[in-house]
C-alpha cells in the first residue's frame, strides 16, 4: 500500500481505505476462485494495482468520463482506476464468468458504485466510451477490430478518445501500422524494476457514426 501512496500522495481517506482493502479481498476470493497467480497475489500492489494506475499517470480522466475495460480478468485495470476516479463510470467486461464473480464480490466489498460488469465478448457490447482500457489481452490489430464502433464522439479529456493499452516489451512490429499511437514508458513514472519494459499505448480512434 505504501507503493500506491508513494506515487499517489493526494488520495482521500476513503480512497486509501479502499486501496488497503484490495489485498484482503483478493486474497480471500483467490482461495475460492483462482484469478491471480500466487506470486502475483503476494505482490498485488506492485504487479496489478500500481500497474493499472499507470494509465492514470498518462491520462487523468475528467469527471464524467466513460471507460470500458476489456478482458478485465480479476478486475484490472478497471477496479483500481474506479477507486482513483470515483466521478467516472467504468464498464468491466470479460468472457469468463468465474473471473467476473470475483470482480463483483470485490466491487461489492469495496462499495464501489461507479462500476458495472458484463459477462460477454466485447464485440457484443453496444455502447460508446471515451476510452477503452485493457492489459494486453490481444495484439493491437486484433484488439482494434474487437472495439470497432465503441468510441464516443464527444471529446472530454486532454488526450483524444481511443484505446489506452498496458503492454510490455518491444512494440515496434505490432504498432507499425498505427502511426498515431503514442507509447508512454511506465519507467518514466515508476522506479521499480518491474516497470522497466512496461508501457501504456495511447491509440486515438475516430468516432464512426
Protein backbone atom coordinates (compact mmCIF):
# COMPACT_ATOMS: atom_id res chain seq x y z
CA UNK A 1 0.00 0.00 0.00
CA UNK A 2 2.96 2.33 0.65
CA UNK A 3 3.74 1.90 -3.03
CA UNK A 4 0.42 3.46 -4.02
CA UNK A 5 0.88 6.40 -1.63
CA UNK A 6 4.41 6.92 -2.96
CA UNK A 7 3.06 7.77 -6.41
CA UNK A 8 -0.42 8.99 -5.49
CA UNK A 9 0.11 11.01 -2.29
CA UNK A 10 -3.10 13.03 -2.55
CA UNK A 11 -5.63 10.24 -2.05
CA UNK A 12 -8.67 10.84 0.13
CA UNK A 13 -9.17 8.81 3.29
CA UNK A 14 -11.89 6.84 1.52
CA UNK A 15 -9.59 6.03 -1.40
CA UNK A 16 -6.79 4.94 0.96
CA UNK A 17 -9.23 2.70 2.81
CA UNK A 18 -10.44 1.10 -0.42
CA UNK A 19 -6.94 0.52 -1.77
CA UNK A 20 -5.96 -1.07 1.54
CA UNK A 21 -8.98 -3.38 1.39
CA UNK A 22 -7.98 -4.74 -2.02
CA UNK A 23 -5.34 -7.09 -0.66
CA UNK A 24 -7.55 -8.94 1.83
CA UNK A 25 -10.46 -9.09 -0.62
CA UNK A 26 -8.33 -10.58 -3.40
CA UNK A 27 -6.52 -12.96 -1.06
CA UNK A 28 -9.83 -14.23 0.28
CA UNK A 29 -11.53 -14.65 -3.09
CA UNK A 30 -8.46 -16.01 -4.83
CA UNK A 31 -8.51 -19.00 -2.46
CA UNK A 32 -12.02 -19.81 -3.73
CA UNK A 33 -11.64 -18.88 -7.39
CA UNK A 34 -8.09 -18.57 -8.69
CA UNK A 35 -7.85 -15.45 -10.85
CA UNK A 36 -4.41 -14.19 -9.81
CA UNK A 37 -1.27 -16.33 -9.51
CA UNK A 38 0.20 -17.00 -6.07
CA UNK A 39 3.25 -14.83 -6.76
CA UNK A 40 1.10 -12.01 -8.07
CA UNK A 41 -1.15 -12.09 -5.01
CA UNK A 42 1.95 -11.64 -2.84
CA UNK A 43 2.93 -8.63 -4.97
CA UNK A 44 -0.59 -7.40 -5.72
CA UNK A 45 0.17 -3.70 -5.36
CA UNK A 46 3.32 -3.81 -7.50
CA UNK A 47 2.13 -6.10 -10.29
CA UNK A 48 -1.56 -5.29 -10.51
CA UNK A 49 -2.73 -2.21 -8.64
CA UNK A 50 0.10 0.21 -9.47
CA UNK A 51 0.38 -1.25 -12.98
CA UNK A 52 -3.31 -0.46 -13.54
CA UNK A 53 -2.78 3.06 -12.22
CA UNK A 54 -0.05 3.61 -14.82
CA UNK A 55 -2.94 4.59 -17.10
CA UNK A 56 -3.80 7.39 -14.66
CA UNK A 57 -0.28 8.84 -14.98
CA UNK A 58 -0.81 9.09 -18.74
CA UNK A 59 -4.48 10.11 -18.67
CA UNK A 60 -6.07 11.59 -15.53
CA UNK A 61 -9.70 11.09 -16.57
CA UNK A 62 -12.01 14.06 -16.17
CA UNK A 63 -15.22 13.67 -14.18
CA UNK A 64 -18.00 12.11 -16.25
CA UNK A 65 -15.68 10.07 -18.46
CA UNK A 66 -16.91 6.63 -19.54
CA UNK A 67 -14.34 3.86 -19.65
CA UNK A 68 -14.65 0.28 -20.94
CA UNK A 69 -12.25 -2.33 -19.52
CA UNK A 70 -11.97 -5.23 -21.98
CA UNK A 71 -10.94 -8.66 -20.70
CA UNK A 72 -10.80 -7.32 -17.16
CA UNK A 73 -9.89 -10.71 -15.67
CA UNK A 74 -9.71 -10.17 -11.92
CA UNK A 75 -10.67 -6.52 -12.31
CA UNK A 76 -7.51 -4.90 -13.68
CA UNK A 77 -7.08 -2.15 -14.66
CA UNK A 78 -10.74 -1.24 -14.03
CA UNK A 79 -11.07 -1.62 -10.25
CA UNK A 80 -8.01 0.45 -9.21
CA UNK A 81 -8.93 3.12 -11.77
CA UNK A 82 -12.51 3.23 -10.47
CA UNK A 83 -11.20 3.84 -6.93
CA UNK A 84 -8.94 6.63 -8.20
CA UNK A 85 -11.64 8.25 -10.36
CA UNK A 86 -14.92 7.98 -8.42
CA UNK A 87 -16.64 10.52 -10.70
CA UNK A 88 -16.06 8.40 -13.81
CA UNK A 89 -18.05 5.33 -14.84
CA UNK A 90 -16.37 2.03 -15.61
CA UNK A 91 -17.78 -0.94 -17.53
CA UNK A 92 -15.78 -4.12 -16.92
CA UNK A 93 -16.27 -6.90 -19.47
CA UNK A 94 -14.93 -10.45 -19.55
CA UNK A 95 -15.98 -13.61 -21.36
CA UNK A 96 -15.10 -15.83 -18.36
CA UNK A 97 -17.89 -15.83 -15.78
CA UNK A 98 -15.85 -17.03 -12.79
CA UNK A 99 -13.47 -14.10 -13.11
CA UNK A 100 -16.36 -11.66 -13.06
CA UNK A 101 -17.73 -13.34 -9.94
CA UNK A 102 -14.54 -12.34 -8.13
CA UNK A 103 -14.74 -8.82 -9.59
CA UNK A 104 -18.36 -8.47 -8.47
CA UNK A 105 -17.50 -9.60 -4.95
CA UNK A 106 -14.56 -7.18 -4.75
CA UNK A 107 -16.70 -4.32 -6.10
CA UNK A 108 -19.41 -5.11 -3.55
CA UNK A 109 -16.88 -5.46 -0.74
CA UNK A 110 -15.45 -2.02 -1.55
CA UNK A 111 -18.86 -0.42 -2.04
CA UNK A 112 -17.90 0.88 -5.49
CA UNK A 113 -20.93 2.34 -7.24
CA UNK A 114 -19.18 3.51 -10.43
CA UNK A 115 -18.55 0.02 -11.84
CA UNK A 116 -20.84 -2.25 -13.81
CA UNK A 117 -19.79 -5.66 -15.11
CA UNK A 118 -20.92 -7.73 -18.07
CA UNK A 119 -20.22 -11.36 -18.87
CA UNK A 120 -19.82 -11.06 -22.62
CA UNK A 121 -17.47 -10.84 -25.54
CA UNK A 122 -16.64 -7.21 -26.18
CA UNK A 123 -17.95 -7.43 -29.75
CA UNK A 124 -21.45 -7.86 -28.31
CA UNK A 125 -21.33 -4.66 -26.21
CA UNK A 126 -23.46 -1.92 -27.77
CA UNK A 127 -22.34 1.36 -26.25
CA UNK A 128 -19.70 4.05 -26.74
CA UNK A 129 -16.95 5.18 -24.40
CA UNK A 130 -14.35 7.92 -24.08
CA UNK A 131 -11.63 5.36 -23.56
CA UNK A 132 -11.18 1.61 -23.83
CA UNK A 133 -8.57 0.19 -21.48
CA UNK A 134 -7.02 -3.25 -21.20
CA UNK A 135 -3.97 -5.20 -20.14
CA UNK A 136 -2.57 -6.88 -23.24
CA UNK A 137 -5.41 -9.29 -23.95
CA UNK A 138 -4.51 -9.43 -27.67
CA UNK A 139 -2.21 -7.91 -30.27
CA UNK A 140 -3.23 -4.36 -31.16
CA UNK A 141 -4.72 -5.14 -34.63
CA UNK A 142 -7.00 -7.78 -33.09
CA UNK A 143 -7.96 -5.50 -30.23
CA UNK A 144 -8.76 -2.59 -32.56
CA UNK A 145 -11.05 -4.91 -34.53
CA UNK A 146 -12.85 -6.02 -31.34
CA UNK A 147 -13.63 -2.48 -30.18
CA UNK A 148 -14.69 -1.08 -33.53
CA UNK A 149 -17.54 1.40 -33.24
CA UNK A 150 -17.29 1.76 -29.47
CA UNK A 151 -15.58 5.15 -29.21
CA UNK A 152 -17.71 8.17 -28.27
CA UNK A 153 -17.90 11.27 -30.46
CA UNK A 154 -17.69 13.91 -27.71
CA UNK A 155 -14.14 14.70 -26.59
CA UNK A 156 -13.87 15.46 -22.86
CA UNK A 157 -10.24 14.75 -21.98
CA UNK A 158 -6.79 16.09 -22.84
CA UNK A 159 -5.93 13.02 -24.90
CA UNK A 160 -8.15 12.13 -27.83
CA UNK A 161 -10.72 9.40 -27.27
CA UNK A 162 -9.44 5.93 -28.04
CA UNK A 163 -7.51 2.99 -26.59
CA UNK A 164 -5.21 3.05 -23.55
CA UNK A 165 -3.40 -0.27 -23.58
CA UNK A 166 -1.00 -1.67 -20.98
CA UNK A 167 1.70 -3.57 -22.86
CA UNK A 168 5.27 -4.77 -22.36
CA UNK A 169 8.36 -5.37 -24.46
CA UNK A 170 9.23 -4.17 -27.95
CA UNK A 171 6.11 -2.93 -29.74
CA UNK A 172 7.76 -1.77 -32.98
CA UNK A 173 6.32 -4.54 -35.15
CA UNK A 174 2.91 -4.62 -33.52
CA UNK A 175 2.36 -0.86 -33.85
CA UNK A 176 3.96 -0.30 -37.25
CA UNK A 177 0.58 0.30 -38.92
CA UNK A 178 -0.58 2.72 -36.20
CA UNK A 179 1.24 5.97 -36.84
CA UNK A 180 -0.95 7.95 -34.45
CA UNK A 181 -0.09 5.68 -31.50
CA UNK A 182 1.93 7.19 -28.64
CA UNK A 183 3.98 4.99 -26.33
CA UNK A 184 4.46 6.08 -22.72
CA UNK A 185 7.16 4.22 -20.78
CA UNK A 186 5.99 3.45 -17.26
CA UNK A 187 9.65 3.57 -16.16
CA UNK A 188 9.31 7.36 -16.59
CA UNK A 189 6.74 7.35 -13.79
CA UNK A 190 7.63 4.37 -11.58
CA UNK A 191 11.20 3.48 -10.48
CA UNK A 192 10.64 -0.20 -9.60
CA UNK A 193 12.44 -2.76 -11.82
CA UNK A 194 9.11 -4.39 -12.71
CA UNK A 195 8.28 -1.34 -14.86
CA UNK A 196 11.46 -1.26 -16.94
CA UNK A 197 9.75 -2.70 -20.02
CA UNK A 198 6.12 -1.80 -19.21
CA UNK A 199 4.28 0.74 -21.31
CA UNK A 200 0.95 2.45 -21.89
CA UNK A 201 -0.02 2.79 -25.55
CA UNK A 202 -2.49 5.52 -26.48
CA UNK A 203 -4.17 4.99 -29.83
CA UNK A 204 -6.69 7.69 -30.79
CA UNK A 205 -9.70 6.31 -32.63
CA UNK A 206 -12.14 8.43 -34.58
CA UNK A 207 -15.85 8.18 -33.94
CA UNK A 208 -17.68 6.24 -36.64
CA UNK A 209 -21.27 7.42 -36.74
